[in-house]
């Protein structure tokens, strides 16, 4: 009975070690950039820059800078995932060149041919988390920014 217990323990430990190694390699594989895409949008005197890293696992992250004339600019990071031709991200940003306060809002972009269009949707906040209201459509025709491809800068 003692040898069965030892064998069982050995199999459990071996399985745990193997799964830890697989988790790390999965994380590394998920972070392999399949491509980088950069965009710029102009709406009157407002300008927005969107730089995306699109990973093989389907995740997306990057930077979004929105410059409003006469107002503080929004500087931040996006992180999310494509669902079909729609990119859903969380936008974590600050206003101006300060580190605080930090805001976080959901954004939706429609990828249409070579453009990315920022949508407008109904957002609600529950327990400090903002999200698009389920069942309410996101309107991509009312959006302020239509992003055109741009040269990525290092």
Protein backbone atom coordinates (compact mmCIF):
# COMPACT_ATOMS: atom_id res chain seq x y z
CA UNK A 1 0.00 0.00 0.00
CA UNK A 2 2.92 2.30 0.78
CA UNK A 3 4.34 1.87 -2.76
CA UNK A 4 0.95 2.72 -4.31
CA UNK A 5 0.83 5.93 -2.28
CA UNK A 6 4.38 6.84 -3.40
CA UNK A 7 3.53 6.12 -7.04
CA UNK A 8 0.38 8.22 -6.82
CA UNK A 9 2.33 11.10 -5.26
CA UNK A 10 5.03 10.85 -7.94
CA UNK A 11 2.45 10.99 -10.73
CA UNK A 12 0.77 14.00 -9.13
CA UNK A 13 4.05 15.90 -8.76
CA UNK A 14 5.11 15.01 -12.31
CA UNK A 15 1.75 16.19 -13.66
CA UNK A 16 2.00 19.48 -11.76
CA UNK A 17 5.52 20.13 -13.04
CA UNK A 18 4.53 19.30 -16.61
CA UNK A 19 1.45 21.55 -16.52
CA UNK A 20 3.49 24.47 -15.13
CA UNK A 21 5.90 24.17 -18.02
CA UNK A 22 3.05 24.06 -20.52
CA UNK A 23 1.48 27.15 -18.99
CA UNK A 24 4.68 29.13 -19.42
CA UNK A 25 5.13 28.03 -23.02
CA UNK A 26 1.48 28.87 -23.75
CA UNK A 27 2.00 32.36 -22.32
CA UNK A 28 5.13 32.84 -24.41
CA UNK A 29 3.35 31.59 -27.54
CA UNK A 30 0.40 33.91 -26.89
CA UNK A 31 2.78 36.88 -26.77
CA UNK A 32 4.33 36.17 -30.17
CA UNK A 33 3.35 39.11 -32.36
CA UNK A 34 1.91 38.01 -35.63
CA UNK A 35 1.74 41.62 -36.80
CA UNK A 36 1.81 45.25 -35.81
CA UNK A 37 -0.68 47.69 -37.30
CA UNK A 38 -0.71 51.47 -36.90
CA UNK A 39 -3.49 53.92 -37.71
CA UNK A 40 -4.26 57.62 -37.58
CA UNK A 41 -7.65 59.36 -37.58
CA UNK A 42 -8.49 63.03 -38.01
CA UNK A 43 -11.85 64.58 -37.20
CA UNK A 44 -11.73 68.33 -37.68
CA UNK A 45 -9.05 69.53 -35.28
CA UNK A 46 -9.01 66.26 -33.30
CA UNK A 47 -6.40 63.61 -34.06
CA UNK A 48 -6.06 60.04 -32.79
CA UNK A 49 -3.20 57.55 -33.12
CA UNK A 50 -3.79 53.83 -32.67
CA UNK A 51 -0.91 51.32 -32.60
CA UNK A 52 -1.89 47.66 -32.30
CA UNK A 53 0.05 44.48 -31.63
CA UNK A 54 -2.00 41.54 -32.86
CA UNK A 55 -0.92 38.21 -31.37
CA UNK A 56 -1.26 34.73 -32.83
CA UNK A 57 -3.64 33.72 -30.03
CA UNK A 58 -6.04 36.48 -31.17
CA UNK A 59 -5.33 38.92 -28.36
CA UNK A 60 -4.57 42.56 -29.10
CA UNK A 61 -2.80 45.27 -27.14
CA UNK A 62 -1.31 48.61 -27.98
CA UNK A 63 -1.44 52.36 -27.51
CA UNK A 64 -4.13 54.95 -28.17
CA UNK A 65 -3.48 58.70 -28.07
CA UNK A 66 -6.32 61.14 -28.67
CA UNK A 67 -5.48 64.83 -29.08
CA UNK A 68 -8.43 67.17 -28.56
CA UNK A 69 -7.99 70.83 -29.45
CA UNK A 70 -8.25 72.98 -26.34
CA UNK A 71 -8.48 69.98 -23.98
CA UNK A 72 -6.13 67.54 -22.32
CA UNK A 73 -5.14 64.64 -24.54
CA UNK A 74 -6.06 61.07 -23.64
CA UNK A 75 -2.94 58.91 -23.38
CA UNK A 76 -3.28 55.21 -22.72
CA UNK A 77 -3.19 51.51 -23.49
CA UNK A 78 -5.70 49.22 -25.14
CA UNK A 79 -6.05 45.49 -24.54
CA UNK A 80 -8.67 43.13 -25.86
CA UNK A 81 -9.62 40.70 -28.57
CA UNK A 82 -11.29 40.50 -31.98
CA UNK A 83 -14.74 38.96 -32.23
CA UNK A 84 -15.21 38.52 -35.97
CA UNK A 85 -14.52 41.92 -37.52
CA UNK A 86 -15.09 43.83 -34.27
CA UNK A 87 -12.29 44.61 -31.84
CA UNK A 88 -13.40 44.97 -28.21
CA UNK A 89 -10.83 46.54 -25.88
CA UNK A 90 -10.46 48.14 -22.50
CA UNK A 91 -8.86 51.58 -22.80
CA UNK A 92 -6.84 52.51 -19.71
CA UNK A 93 -5.79 56.14 -19.93
CA UNK A 94 -4.91 59.39 -18.25
CA UNK A 95 -5.79 62.95 -19.18
CA UNK A 96 -2.82 65.10 -20.13
CA UNK A 97 0.68 64.29 -18.99
CA UNK A 98 -0.28 63.25 -15.46
CA UNK A 99 -0.21 59.74 -14.04
CA UNK A 100 -3.41 60.19 -12.05
CA UNK A 101 -6.32 59.77 -12.14
CA UNK A 102 -6.45 56.69 -14.33
CA UNK A 103 -9.63 55.99 -16.28
CA UNK A 104 -10.76 52.75 -17.88
CA UNK A 105 -13.46 52.54 -20.56
CA UNK A 106 -14.56 49.89 -23.02
CA UNK A 107 -14.13 50.69 -26.72
CA UNK A 108 -15.28 48.88 -29.84
CA UNK A 109 -13.70 49.18 -33.28
CA UNK A 110 -15.05 47.79 -36.54
CA UNK A 111 -12.39 46.63 -39.00
CA UNK A 112 -13.74 47.37 -42.46
CA UNK A 113 -11.39 46.77 -45.38
CA UNK A 114 -8.25 48.74 -44.43
CA UNK A 115 -9.99 51.08 -41.97
CA UNK A 116 -10.83 50.77 -38.29
CA UNK A 117 -13.93 52.66 -37.16
CA UNK A 118 -14.49 53.64 -33.51
CA UNK A 119 -18.04 52.83 -32.44
CA UNK A 120 -20.45 54.50 -30.06
CA UNK A 121 -22.46 52.39 -27.63
CA UNK A 122 -24.40 52.54 -24.40
CA UNK A 123 -22.03 52.05 -21.46
CA UNK A 124 -22.96 51.36 -17.86
CA UNK A 125 -20.86 50.93 -14.76
CA UNK A 126 -21.39 48.33 -12.07
CA UNK A 127 -19.09 47.94 -9.07
CA UNK A 128 -16.53 50.26 -10.65
CA UNK A 129 -16.36 48.35 -13.96
CA UNK A 130 -17.65 49.96 -17.17
CA UNK A 131 -18.92 47.84 -20.03
CA UNK A 132 -21.19 47.96 -23.08
CA UNK A 133 -24.81 47.23 -22.21
CA UNK A 134 -25.69 43.74 -23.40
CA UNK A 135 -28.32 43.77 -26.15
CA UNK A 136 -27.71 47.42 -27.08
CA UNK A 137 -26.15 47.85 -30.52
CA UNK A 138 -22.88 49.64 -31.09
CA UNK A 139 -23.22 52.29 -33.78
CA UNK A 140 -20.17 52.54 -36.03
CA UNK A 141 -21.70 55.28 -38.21
CA UNK A 142 -21.86 57.84 -35.38
CA UNK A 143 -18.26 57.35 -34.29
CA UNK A 144 -15.95 60.36 -34.31
CA UNK A 145 -12.86 58.57 -35.60
CA UNK A 146 -12.27 56.50 -38.74
CA UNK A 147 -8.68 55.27 -38.61
CA UNK A 148 -6.59 54.95 -41.76
CA UNK A 149 -3.42 52.84 -41.98
CA UNK A 150 -0.24 54.68 -41.03
CA UNK A 151 3.46 53.97 -40.82
CA UNK A 152 4.42 52.49 -37.45
CA UNK A 153 7.07 54.47 -35.61
CA UNK A 154 9.41 52.89 -33.09
